[in-house]
C-alpha cells in the first residue's frame, strides 16, 4: 500500500511498515516542517493514504472544497499512544478489507468509523 505517515508516528512503526512491503513516505524525514495542508495535498496527488495521530488532518480533509479521490486519511486515536500500541492498531487497520481512497477513517481500539474526504 502507498502510505504517507505524519511525523508524529514513531520511526519504529515506519520501519515496520516498510519491512512489511508498504511504500511509505515519512514526513519526519522526507519533508519535515511541511504544513499539514501541503502534506494532505501530497497524499492526494500521489495516491497515498495518510496515517496520523493529529486531529488537524481530520478537519482539513473534511473541509476540502473538492473530495479526495486518490488519497485518504486514517486518524488513529489511542491513549496512551505508545509506539507499541500505535503499531498494533495501525497493523490491524491496514489488514482490513476495502479501500481507504477518498475516505477519512477514525480508528480507535473500539472500532473504525469512515467518512467521505471532502465536501463534493
Foldseek 3Di string as FASTA:
>chain_A
DEAEEEQVADPVLVVVCVVVPYNYHYCVPNPDPDDLLVSVVVQLVVLHEYEEQDCVNVVSQAAAQDFRARYAYEHEDEPPPDNVVVSVQVVVVVPDDDDRGQWYWYDYPVGIDIDGGHDD
